[in-house]
Amino acid sequence: MIEKNEILANHLRNFAALTEQDIAESQAFWKPRKIAKGDFFNMQSMVCNDLGLVVKGIFRIYYREPNGVEEKNLFFFSENQFVVSFRSFISQNPCWYFIEAMEDSEVIFISYQDLNSLYERNPNWGKFGRLLAETFFAYAQSRTEEFVFFSHEKRFLRLLEEHPNIVERIPSYHISSFLGITNPSLSRIRKRLKKSNALPTQ
């Protein structure tokens, strides 16, 4: 657990400039959790009570249509990113999405109650909460703007910037779902980008 604690401490320092004392104050609240491929960090229609930091693995947030057939991928979260259904977490209302591990994964998580207790007694943790809210607002707005302003190719390149090796880690149909295109269309995009040397190097 020492290594995971150091990963957490480094991320908290970088994310919100928390001090060693701030981090130590929170240490007892963070818990490790292993999530097998295909299992869930949180389920649709359940309140998301935990904020996780991805130590290892990749998660997808997806919505399942009421008919139970079609699934739509909305976000991916991988190493050194927080994973949560933020609206459900802050409102303590049921989540609209599933959060599924796409690989055998590990997170370090803190509960809603414990995080809010840190907010209330430590202004530096209050700053962490503001930055967390800003981060997830930026995720949501960027996702909307990409669909309005960007081509499929540009959205794909943005995905690769955020998760450089995602193509090697998950099936392509999940990426197609995220981009809102078919799998053959994704194949054509990848061929065009490869031919023009526009794909980022790994």
Protein backbone atom coordinates (compact mmCIF):
# COMPACT_ATOMS: atom_id res chain seq x y z
CA MET A 1 0.00 0.00 0.00
CA ILE A 2 3.03 2.31 0.41
CA GLU A 3 3.36 2.74 -3.35
CA LYS A 4 -0.35 3.52 -3.75
CA ASN A 5 -0.20 6.02 -0.92
CA GLU A 6 2.69 7.79 -2.64
CA ILE A 7 0.79 7.83 -5.95
CA LEU A 8 -2.15 9.40 -4.13
CA ALA A 9 0.05 11.93 -2.31
CA ASN A 10 1.79 12.99 -5.52
CA HIS A 11 -1.51 13.45 -7.30
CA LEU A 12 -2.99 15.51 -4.47
CA ARG A 13 0.10 17.73 -4.41
CA ASN A 14 -0.05 18.29 -8.16
CA PHE A 15 -3.81 18.66 -8.40
CA ALA A 16 -4.50 21.07 -5.55
CA ALA A 17 -1.10 21.96 -4.04
CA LEU A 18 -2.08 20.24 -0.80
CA THR A 19 0.55 20.26 1.93
CA GLU A 20 2.00 17.21 3.63
CA GLN A 21 -0.15 18.03 6.65
CA ASP A 22 -3.29 18.26 4.49
CA ILE A 23 -2.52 14.90 2.90
CA ALA A 24 -1.75 13.26 6.22
CA GLU A 25 -5.07 14.52 7.60
CA SER A 26 -6.89 12.68 4.82
CA GLN A 27 -4.81 9.49 4.77
CA ALA A 28 -7.08 7.41 6.99
CA PHE A 29 -10.08 8.16 4.77
CA TRP A 30 -8.65 6.82 1.49
CA LYS A 31 -9.16 3.09 0.88
CA PRO A 32 -7.75 0.77 -1.81
CA ARG A 33 -10.08 -1.22 -4.03
CA LYS A 34 -9.44 -3.71 -6.82
CA ILE A 35 -12.08 -3.91 -9.54
CA ALA A 36 -11.96 -6.82 -11.98
CA LYS A 37 -12.49 -6.30 -15.69
CA GLY A 38 -16.23 -6.06 -16.33
CA ASP A 39 -17.10 -5.12 -12.75
CA PHE A 40 -18.40 -1.74 -11.71
CA PHE A 41 -17.18 1.24 -9.71
CA ASN A 42 -20.80 2.39 -9.66
CA MET A 43 -24.09 1.23 -11.18
CA GLN A 44 -26.86 3.04 -12.99
CA SER A 45 -29.73 4.05 -10.64
CA MET A 46 -27.45 3.85 -7.58
CA VAL A 47 -26.02 6.84 -5.71
CA CYS A 48 -22.31 7.31 -6.40
CA ASN A 49 -20.95 7.56 -2.85
CA ASP A 50 -17.22 7.40 -3.64
CA LEU A 51 -14.60 9.47 -5.43
CA GLY A 52 -11.83 7.29 -6.84
CA LEU A 53 -8.33 7.95 -8.11
CA VAL A 54 -7.37 5.47 -10.83
CA VAL A 55 -4.06 3.84 -9.90
CA LYS A 56 -4.20 1.17 -12.56
CA GLY A 57 -6.63 0.44 -15.37
CA ILE A 58 -9.23 2.20 -17.46
CA PHE A 59 -12.94 2.83 -16.89
CA ARG A 60 -15.79 3.78 -19.15
CA ILE A 61 -18.85 5.77 -18.15
CA TYR A 62 -21.77 4.66 -20.25
CA TYR A 63 -25.52 4.98 -20.50
CA ARG A 64 -27.77 2.05 -21.32
CA GLU A 65 -30.97 2.75 -23.21
CA PRO A 66 -34.24 1.81 -21.42
CA ASN A 67 -34.72 -1.07 -23.87
CA GLY A 68 -31.52 -2.56 -22.45
CA VAL A 69 -29.88 -3.04 -25.85
CA GLU A 70 -27.88 0.01 -26.90
CA GLU A 71 -25.03 1.37 -24.78
CA LYS A 72 -23.47 4.80 -25.31
CA ASN A 73 -19.98 5.54 -24.00
CA LEU A 74 -19.68 9.06 -22.60
CA PHE A 75 -16.29 9.28 -20.88
CA PHE A 76 -13.14 7.26 -20.24
CA PHE A 77 -10.97 7.59 -17.14
CA SER A 78 -7.50 6.06 -16.81
CA GLU A 79 -4.41 6.28 -14.62
CA ASN A 80 -3.96 9.43 -12.50
CA GLN A 81 -7.50 10.65 -13.15
CA PHE A 82 -10.36 10.90 -10.70
CA VAL A 83 -13.29 8.65 -11.52
CA VAL A 84 -16.79 9.45 -10.26
CA SER A 85 -20.31 10.23 -11.41
CA PHE A 86 -19.92 13.80 -10.22
CA ARG A 87 -23.56 14.90 -10.40
CA SER A 88 -24.65 11.88 -8.38
CA PHE A 89 -21.74 12.31 -5.96
CA ILE A 90 -22.44 15.94 -5.08
CA SER A 91 -26.24 15.69 -5.10
CA GLN A 92 -26.41 12.21 -3.53
CA ASN A 93 -29.08 11.31 -6.07
CA PRO A 94 -29.07 8.13 -8.19
CA CYS A 95 -26.51 7.94 -10.97
CA TRP A 96 -27.67 7.93 -14.59
CA TYR A 97 -24.67 5.91 -15.76
CA PHE A 98 -22.62 2.77 -15.27
CA ILE A 99 -18.92 3.10 -14.45
CA GLU A 100 -17.25 -0.13 -15.60
CA ALA A 101 -13.66 -1.35 -15.41
CA MET A 102 -12.39 -2.24 -18.87
CA GLU A 103 -9.27 -3.90 -17.46
CA ASP A 104 -8.41 -5.38 -14.11
CA SER A 105 -8.11 -2.09 -12.25
CA GLU A 106 -7.14 -0.53 -8.95
CA VAL A 107 -8.42 2.67 -7.37
CA ILE A 108 -7.96 4.55 -4.13
CA PHE A 109 -11.28 6.02 -3.04
CA ILE A 110 -12.77 8.34 -0.44
CA SER A 111 -16.43 8.49 0.57
CA TYR A 112 -18.71 11.50 0.12
CA GLN A 113 -19.09 11.83 3.88
CA ASP A 114 -15.36 11.73 4.61
CA LEU A 115 -14.49 14.16 1.83
CA ASN A 116 -17.10 16.63 3.01
CA SER A 117 -15.76 16.43 6.55
CA LEU A 118 -12.37 17.47 5.16
CA TYR A 119 -14.01 20.36 3.28
CA GLU A 120 -15.63 21.63 6.45
CA ARG A 121 -12.56 21.72 8.65
CA ASN A 122 -9.71 22.52 6.26
CA PRO A 123 -9.79 25.38 3.71
CA ASN A 124 -7.12 23.69 1.59
CA TRP A 125 -9.43 20.74 1.15
CA GLY A 126 -12.20 23.21 0.33
CA LYS A 127 -9.93 24.41 -2.50
CA PHE A 128 -9.54 20.78 -3.60
CA GLY A 129 -13.34 20.53 -3.82
CA ARG A 130 -13.56 23.65 -5.97
CA LEU A 131 -10.85 22.39 -8.33
CA LEU A 132 -12.56 19.01 -8.54
CA ALA A 133 -15.84 20.68 -9.51
CA GLU A 134 -14.06 22.83 -12.11
CA THR A 135 -12.36 19.75 -13.57
CA PHE A 136 -15.57 17.83 -14.05
CA PHE A 137 -17.38 20.89 -15.39
CA ALA A 138 -14.57 21.24 -17.95
CA TYR A 139 -14.91 17.55 -18.90
CA ALA A 140 -18.64 17.96 -19.48
CA GLN A 141 -18.37 21.22 -21.43
CA SER A 142 -15.47 19.97 -23.55
CA ARG A 143 -17.45 16.85 -24.44
CA THR A 144 -20.38 18.96 -25.61
CA GLU A 145 -18.21 21.42 -27.53
CA GLU A 146 -16.29 18.66 -29.29
CA PHE A 147 -19.53 17.28 -30.77
CA VAL A 148 -20.56 20.76 -31.92
CA PHE A 149 -17.27 22.12 -33.28
CA PHE A 150 -14.95 19.19 -34.06
CA SER A 151 -14.85 16.62 -36.81
CA HIS A 152 -14.79 12.91 -36.02
CA GLU A 153 -11.07 12.88 -36.75
CA LYS A 154 -10.37 15.76 -34.38
CA ARG A 155 -12.42 14.11 -31.61
CA PHE A 156 -10.44 10.92 -32.10
CA LEU A 157 -7.13 12.80 -31.88
CA ARG A 158 -8.32 14.56 -28.71
CA LEU A 159 -9.15 11.16 -27.21
CA LEU A 160 -5.63 9.93 -28.01
CA GLU A 161 -4.15 13.03 -26.36
CA GLU A 162 -6.11 12.28 -23.19
CA HIS A 163 -5.51 8.49 -23.25
CA PRO A 164 -2.50 7.85 -25.51
CA ASN A 165 -2.63 4.03 -25.57
CA ILE A 166 -6.39 3.53 -25.41
CA VAL A 167 -6.52 1.93 -28.86
CA GLU A 168 -4.33 -0.93 -27.64
CA ARG A 169 -6.24 -1.33 -24.37
CA ILE A 170 -9.93 -1.55 -25.28
CA PRO A 171 -12.01 -2.90 -28.19
CA SER A 172 -12.46 -0.42 -31.03
CA TYR A 173 -16.25 -0.55 -30.87
CA HIS A 174 -16.09 1.19 -27.50
CA ILE A 175 -14.12 4.03 -29.08
CA SER A 176 -16.62 4.17 -31.94
CA SER A 177 -19.46 4.49 -29.44
CA PHE A 178 -17.64 7.31 -27.65
CA LEU A 179 -17.11 9.16 -30.94
CA GLY A 180 -20.67 8.56 -32.12
CA ILE A 181 -19.64 6.73 -35.28
CA THR A 182 -19.60 3.19 -36.63
CA ASN A 183 -16.65 0.84 -36.35
CA PRO A 184 -15.94 0.90 -40.13
CA SER A 185 -15.89 4.71 -39.97
CA LEU A 186 -13.33 4.58 -37.17
CA SER A 187 -11.18 2.22 -39.24
CA ARG A 188 -11.24 4.65 -42.16
CA ILE A 189 -10.31 7.56 -39.89
CA ARG A 190 -7.36 5.64 -38.45
CA LYS A 191 -6.14 4.73 -41.94
CA ARG A 192 -6.36 8.34 -43.13
CA LEU A 193 -4.54 9.66 -40.08
CA LYS A 194 -1.86 6.99 -40.34
CA LYS A 195 -1.34 7.74 -44.02
CA SER A 196 -0.97 11.46 -43.32
CA ASN A 197 1.31 10.80 -40.29
CA ALA A 198 -1.19 12.67 -38.09
CA LEU A 199 -1.43 10.00 -35.41
CA PRO A 200 0.51 10.90 -32.26
CA THR A 201 3.52 8.75 -31.47
CA GLN A 202 3.18 6.44 -28.48
